[in-house]
Amino acid sequence: AFPPSFSYLKDYINIQVIGGGLHE
């Protein structure tokens, strides 16, 4: 229904979960 949501949540996971949670 909201195609931009996919790239948004992918960015969130890369920035906050993977980038932050594992390395920051």
PDB file of all heavy atoms in Angstrom:
ATOM      1  N   ALA A   1       0.823  -1.217   0.000  1.00  0.00           N
ATOM      2  CA  ALA A   1       0.000   0.000   0.000  1.00  0.00           C
ATOM      3  C   ALA A   1       0.852   1.260   0.000  1.00  0.00           C
ATOM      4  O   ALA A   1       0.455   2.289  -0.580  1.00  0.00           O
ATOM      5  CB  ALA A   1      -0.931  -0.004   1.212  1.00  0.00           C
ATOM      6  N   PHE A   2       2.017   1.187   0.648  1.00  0.00           N
ATOM      7  CA  PHE A   2       2.899   2.357   0.750  1.00  0.00           C
ATOM      8  C   PHE A   2       4.312   1.929   0.356  1.00  0.00           C
ATOM      9  O   PHE A   2       5.146   1.642   1.236  1.00  0.00           O
ATOM     10  CB  PHE A   2       2.893   2.928   2.164  1.00  0.00           C
ATOM     11  CG  PHE A   2       1.521   3.219   2.701  1.00  0.00           C
ATOM     12  CD1 PHE A   2       0.899   2.330   3.581  1.00  0.00           C
ATOM     13  CD2 PHE A   2       0.825   4.361   2.316  1.00  0.00           C
ATOM     14  CE1 PHE A   2      -0.364   2.584   4.079  1.00  0.00           C
ATOM     15  CE2 PHE A   2      -0.442   4.620   2.806  1.00  0.00           C
ATOM     16  CZ  PHE A   2      -1.042   3.735   3.691  1.00  0.00           C
ATOM     17  N   PRO A   3       4.623   1.874  -0.931  1.00  0.00           N
ATOM     18  CA  PRO A   3       5.939   1.406  -1.394  1.00  0.00           C
ATOM     19  C   PRO A   3       7.131   2.081  -0.717  1.00  0.00           C
ATOM     20  O   PRO A   3       8.142   1.411  -0.447  1.00  0.00           O
ATOM     21  CB  PRO A   3       5.897   1.705  -2.896  1.00  0.00           C
ATOM     22  CG  PRO A   3       4.448   1.626  -3.246  1.00  0.00           C
ATOM     23  CD  PRO A   3       3.717   2.197  -2.059  1.00  0.00           C
ATOM     24  N   PRO A   4       7.076   3.402  -0.408  1.00  0.00           N
ATOM     25  CA  PRO A   4       8.236   4.016   0.263  1.00  0.00           C
ATOM     26  C   PRO A   4       8.550   3.408   1.624  1.00  0.00           C
ATOM     27  O   PRO A   4       9.664   3.563   2.131  1.00  0.00           O
ATOM     28  CB  PRO A   4       7.833   5.489   0.404  1.00  0.00           C
ATOM     29  CG  PRO A   4       6.794   5.710  -0.649  1.00  0.00           C
ATOM     30  CD  PRO A   4       6.048   4.414  -0.729  1.00  0.00           C
ATOM     31  N   SER A   5       7.570   2.720   2.237  1.00  0.00           N
ATOM     32  CA  SER A   5       7.792   2.152   3.564  1.00  0.00           C
ATOM     33  C   SER A   5       8.876   1.082   3.550  1.00  0.00           C
ATOM     34  O   SER A   5       9.593   0.904   4.540  1.00  0.00           O
ATOM     35  CB  SER A   5       6.491   1.562   4.116  1.00  0.00           C
ATOM     36  OG  SER A   5       6.042   0.471   3.312  1.00  0.00           O
ATOM     37  N   PHE A   6       9.009   0.360   2.431  1.00  0.00           N
ATOM     38  CA  PHE A   6      10.007  -0.709   2.361  1.00  0.00           C
ATOM     39  C   PHE A   6      11.426  -0.149   2.449  1.00  0.00           C
ATOM     40  O   PHE A   6      12.245  -0.606   3.253  1.00  0.00           O
ATOM     41  CB  PHE A   6       9.837  -1.519   1.067  1.00  0.00           C
ATOM     42  CG  PHE A   6      10.801  -2.663   0.956  1.00  0.00           C
ATOM     43  CD1 PHE A   6      10.566  -3.842   1.643  1.00  0.00           C
ATOM     44  CD2 PHE A   6      11.954  -2.550   0.183  1.00  0.00           C
ATOM     45  CE1 PHE A   6      11.465  -4.905   1.554  1.00  0.00           C
ATOM     46  CE2 PHE A   6      12.856  -3.600   0.089  1.00  0.00           C
ATOM     47  CZ  PHE A   6      12.607  -4.780   0.777  1.00  0.00           C
ATOM     48  N   SER A   7      11.719   0.855   1.625  1.00  0.00           N
ATOM     49  CA  SER A   7      13.065   1.444   1.655  1.00  0.00           C
ATOM     50  C   SER A   7      13.306   2.164   2.980  1.00  0.00           C
ATOM     51  O   SER A   7      14.441   2.182   3.494  1.00  0.00           O
ATOM     52  CB  SER A   7      13.251   2.411   0.481  1.00  0.00           C
ATOM     53  OG  SER A   7      12.304   3.463   0.533  1.00  0.00           O
ATOM     54  N   TYR A   8      12.253   2.746   3.556  1.00  0.00           N
ATOM     55  CA  TYR A   8      12.378   3.417   4.853  1.00  0.00           C
ATOM     56  C   TYR A   8      12.840   2.428   5.914  1.00  0.00           C
ATOM     57  O   TYR A   8      13.842   2.659   6.619  1.00  0.00           O
ATOM     58  CB  TYR A   8      11.027   4.022   5.251  1.00  0.00           C
ATOM     59  CG  TYR A   8      11.065   4.896   6.485  1.00  0.00           C
ATOM     60  CD1 TYR A   8      10.709   6.231   6.431  1.00  0.00           C
ATOM     61  CD2 TYR A   8      11.456   4.396   7.733  1.00  0.00           C
ATOM     62  CE1 TYR A   8      10.738   7.039   7.559  1.00  0.00           C
ATOM     63  CE2 TYR A   8      11.479   5.179   8.862  1.00  0.00           C
ATOM     64  CZ  TYR A   8      11.119   6.506   8.766  1.00  0.00           C
ATOM     65  OH  TYR A   8      11.153   7.292   9.892  1.00  0.00           O
ATOM     66  N   LEU A   9      12.110   1.300   6.047  1.00  0.00           N
ATOM     67  CA  LEU A   9      12.446   0.339   7.091  1.00  0.00           C
ATOM     68  C   LEU A   9      13.770  -0.364   6.797  1.00  0.00           C
ATOM     69  O   LEU A   9      14.498  -0.747   7.728  1.00  0.00           O
ATOM     70  CB  LEU A   9      11.318  -0.677   7.248  1.00  0.00           C
ATOM     71  CG  LEU A   9      10.012  -0.091   7.797  1.00  0.00           C
ATOM     72  CD1 LEU A   9       8.958  -1.177   7.965  1.00  0.00           C
ATOM     73  CD2 LEU A   9      10.241   0.623   9.131  1.00  0.00           C
ATOM     74  N   LYS A  10      14.118  -0.524   5.529  1.00  0.00           N
ATOM     75  CA  LYS A  10      15.418  -1.098   5.195  1.00  0.00           C
ATOM     76  C   LYS A  10      16.533  -0.162   5.660  1.00  0.00           C
ATOM     77  O   LYS A  10      17.534  -0.603   6.248  1.00  0.00           O
ATOM     78  CB  LYS A  10      15.520  -1.338   3.698  1.00  0.00           C
ATOM     79  CG  LYS A  10      16.818  -2.045   3.280  1.00  0.00           C
ATOM     80  CD  LYS A  10      16.834  -2.363   1.799  1.00  0.00           C
ATOM     81  CE  LYS A  10      17.014  -1.099   0.968  1.00  0.00           C
ATOM     82  NZ  LYS A  10      17.242  -1.412  -0.473  1.00  0.00           N
ATOM     83  N   ASP A  11      16.346   1.139   5.427  1.00  0.00           N
ATOM     84  CA  ASP A  11      17.329   2.121   5.913  1.00  0.00           C
ATOM     85  C   ASP A  11      17.416   2.102   7.425  1.00  0.00           C
ATOM     86  O   ASP A  11      18.511   2.173   8.003  1.00  0.00           O
ATOM     87  CB  ASP A  11      16.956   3.528   5.434  1.00  0.00           C
ATOM     88  CG  ASP A  11      17.180   3.721   3.943  1.00  0.00           C
ATOM     89  OD1 ASP A  11      17.848   2.871   3.336  1.00  0.00           O
ATOM     90  OD2 ASP A  11      16.666   4.717   3.391  1.00  0.00           O
ATOM     91  N   TYR A  12      16.261   2.028   8.083  1.00  0.00           N
ATOM     92  CA  TYR A  12      16.226   1.994   9.550  1.00  0.00           C
ATOM     93  C   TYR A  12      17.019   0.810  10.086  1.00  0.00           C
ATOM     94  O   TYR A  12      17.831   0.950  11.023  1.00  0.00           O
ATOM     95  CB  TYR A  12      14.786   1.932  10.045  1.00  0.00           C
ATOM     96  CG  TYR A  12      14.641   1.317  11.413  1.00  0.00           C
ATOM     97  CD1 TYR A  12      15.116   1.968  12.557  1.00  0.00           C
ATOM     98  CD2 TYR A  12      14.065   0.047  11.574  1.00  0.00           C
ATOM     99  CE1 TYR A  12      15.005   1.386  13.818  1.00  0.00           C
ATOM    100  CE2 TYR A  12      13.957  -0.532  12.824  1.00  0.00           C
ATOM    101  CZ  TYR A  12      14.427   0.129  13.940  1.00  0.00           C
ATOM    102  OH  TYR A  12      14.330  -0.445  15.177  1.00  0.00           O
ATOM    103  N   ILE A  13      16.812  -0.367   9.510  1.00  0.00           N
ATOM    104  CA  ILE A  13      17.525  -1.566   9.963  1.00  0.00           C
ATOM    105  C   ILE A  13      19.027  -1.425   9.728  1.00  0.00           C
ATOM    106  O   ILE A  13      19.846  -1.762  10.598  1.00  0.00           O
ATOM    107  CB  ILE A  13      16.967  -2.815   9.253  1.00  0.00           C
ATOM    108  CG1 ILE A  13      15.538  -3.091   9.742  1.00  0.00           C
ATOM    109  CG2 ILE A  13      17.858  -4.032   9.515  1.00  0.00           C
ATOM    110  CD1 ILE A  13      14.822  -4.199   8.999  1.00  0.00           C
ATOM    111  N   ASN A  14      19.406  -0.894   8.583  1.00  0.00           N
ATOM    112  CA  ASN A  14      20.837  -0.720   8.280  1.00  0.00           C
ATOM    113  C   ASN A  14      21.495   0.302   9.208  1.00  0.00           C
ATOM    114  O   ASN A  14      22.610   0.107   9.688  1.00  0.00           O
ATOM    115  CB  ASN A  14      21.026  -0.292   6.822  1.00  0.00           C
ATOM    116  CG  ASN A  14      20.765  -1.424   5.849  1.00  0.00           C
ATOM    117  OD1 ASN A  14      20.965  -2.593   6.180  1.00  0.00           O
ATOM    118  ND2 ASN A  14      20.305  -1.093   4.647  1.00  0.00           N
ATOM    119  N   ILE A  15      20.778   1.410   9.448  1.00  0.00           N
ATOM    120  CA  ILE A  15      21.347   2.495  10.257  1.00  0.00           C
ATOM    121  C   ILE A  15      21.333   2.162  11.743  1.00  0.00           C
ATOM    122  O   ILE A  15      22.354   2.261  12.436  1.00  0.00           O
ATOM    123  CB  ILE A  15      20.572   3.818  10.021  1.00  0.00           C
ATOM    124  CG1 ILE A  15      20.741   4.277   8.569  1.00  0.00           C
ATOM    125  CG2 ILE A  15      21.043   4.899  10.987  1.00  0.00           C
ATOM    126  CD1 ILE A  15      19.819   5.425   8.192  1.00  0.00           C
ATOM    127  N   GLN A  16      20.167   1.760  12.244  1.00  0.00           N
ATOM    128  CA  GLN A  16      19.976   1.655  13.685  1.00  0.00           C
ATOM    129  C   GLN A  16      20.248   0.257  14.226  1.00  0.00           C
ATOM    130  O   GLN A  16      20.883   0.102  15.273  1.00  0.00           O
ATOM    131  CB  GLN A  16      18.542   2.066  14.038  1.00  0.00           C
ATOM    132  CG  GLN A  16      18.342   2.449  15.488  1.00  0.00           C
ATOM    133  CD  GLN A  16      19.107   3.690  15.877  1.00  0.00           C
ATOM    134  OE1 GLN A  16      19.941   3.637  16.770  1.00  0.00           O
ATOM    135  NE2 GLN A  16      18.856   4.808  15.223  1.00  0.00           N
ATOM    136  N   VAL A  17      19.756  -0.769  13.536  1.00  0.00           N
ATOM    137  CA  VAL A  17      19.856  -2.130  14.062  1.00  0.00           C
ATOM    138  C   VAL A  17      21.230  -2.723  13.766  1.00  0.00           C
ATOM    139  O   VAL A  17      21.936  -3.174  14.671  1.00  0.00           O
ATOM    140  CB  VAL A  17      18.749  -3.029  13.476  1.00  0.00           C
ATOM    141  CG1 VAL A  17      18.862  -4.433  14.052  1.00  0.00           C
ATOM    142  CG2 VAL A  17      17.371  -2.440  13.774  1.00  0.00           C
ATOM    143  N   ILE A  18      21.623  -2.700  12.484  1.00  0.00           N
ATOM    144  CA  ILE A  18      22.916  -3.273  12.113  1.00  0.00           C
ATOM    145  C   ILE A  18      24.058  -2.310  12.427  1.00  0.00           C
ATOM    146  O   ILE A  18      25.005  -2.647  13.138  1.00  0.00           O
ATOM    147  CB  ILE A  18      22.929  -3.651  10.619  1.00  0.00           C
ATOM    148  CG1 ILE A  18      21.860  -4.723  10.341  1.00  0.00           C
ATOM    149  CG2 ILE A  18      24.306  -4.157  10.210  1.00  0.00           C
ATOM    150  CD1 ILE A  18      21.723  -5.087   8.883  1.00  0.00           C
ATOM    151  N   GLY A  19      23.934  -1.088  11.925  1.00  0.00           N
ATOM    152  CA  GLY A  19      24.995  -0.107  12.133  1.00  0.00           C
ATOM    153  C   GLY A  19      25.164   0.282  13.582  1.00  0.00           C
ATOM    154  O   GLY A  19      26.287   0.385  14.096  1.00  0.00           O
ATOM    155  N   GLY A  20      24.034   0.522  14.281  1.00  0.00           N
ATOM    156  CA  GLY A  20      24.112   0.955  15.670  1.00  0.00           C
ATOM    157  C   GLY A  20      24.210  -0.193  16.644  1.00  0.00           C
ATOM    158  O   GLY A  20      25.094  -0.245  17.500  1.00  0.00           O
ATOM    159  N   GLY A  21      23.268  -1.150  16.530  1.00  0.00           N
ATOM    160  CA  GLY A  21      23.195  -2.229  17.507  1.00  0.00           C
ATOM    161  C   GLY A  21      24.387  -3.158  17.503  1.00  0.00           C
ATOM    162  O   GLY A  21      24.710  -3.763  18.537  1.00  0.00           O
ATOM    163  N   LEU A  22      25.074  -3.294  16.359  1.00  0.00           N
ATOM    164  CA  LEU A  22      26.193  -4.219  16.283  1.00  0.00           C
ATOM    165  C   LEU A  22      27.558  -3.536  16.331  1.00  0.00           C
ATOM    166  O   LEU A  22      28.548  -4.160  16.684  1.00  0.00           O
ATOM    167  CB  LEU A  22      26.090  -5.057  14.996  1.00  0.00           C
ATOM    168  CG  LEU A  22      24.856  -5.959  14.873  1.00  0.00           C
ATOM    169  CD1 LEU A  22      24.896  -6.735  13.573  1.00  0.00           C
ATOM    170  CD2 LEU A  22      24.760  -6.920  16.058  1.00  0.00           C
ATOM    171  N   HIS A  23      27.616  -2.278  15.952  1.00  0.00           N
ATOM    172  CA  HIS A  23      28.925  -1.636  15.812  1.00  0.00           C
ATOM    173  C   HIS A  23      29.075  -0.342  16.607  1.00  0.00           C
ATOM    174  O   HIS A  23      30.185   0.022  16.973  1.00  0.00           O
ATOM    175  CB  HIS A  23      29.198  -1.350  14.327  1.00  0.00           C
ATOM    176  CG  HIS A  23      29.083  -2.570  13.457  1.00  0.00           C
ATOM    177  ND1 HIS A  23      29.930  -3.647  13.576  1.00  0.00           N
ATOM    178  CD2 HIS A  23      28.198  -2.878  12.474  1.00  0.00           C
ATOM    179  CE1 HIS A  23      29.594  -4.579  12.682  1.00  0.00           C
ATOM    180  NE2 HIS A  23      28.553  -4.146  12.005  1.00  0.00           N
ATOM    181  N   GLU A  24      27.987   0.387  16.868  1.00  0.00           N
ATOM    182  CA  GLU A  24      28.084   1.698  17.525  1.00  0.00           C
ATOM    183  C   GLU A  24      27.993   1.533  19.038  1.00  0.00           C
ATOM    184  O   GLU A  24      26.962   1.791  19.655  1.00  0.00           O
ATOM    185  CB  GLU A  24      26.969   2.609  17.016  1.00  0.00           C
ATOM    186  CG  GLU A  24      27.104   4.065  17.443  1.00  0.00           C
ATOM    187  CD  GLU A  24      25.956   4.912  16.926  1.00  0.00           C
ATOM    188  OE1 GLU A  24      25.404   4.598  15.866  1.00  0.00           O
ATOM    189  OE2 GLU A  24      25.607   5.896  17.615  1.00  0.00           O
TER     190      GLU A  24
END
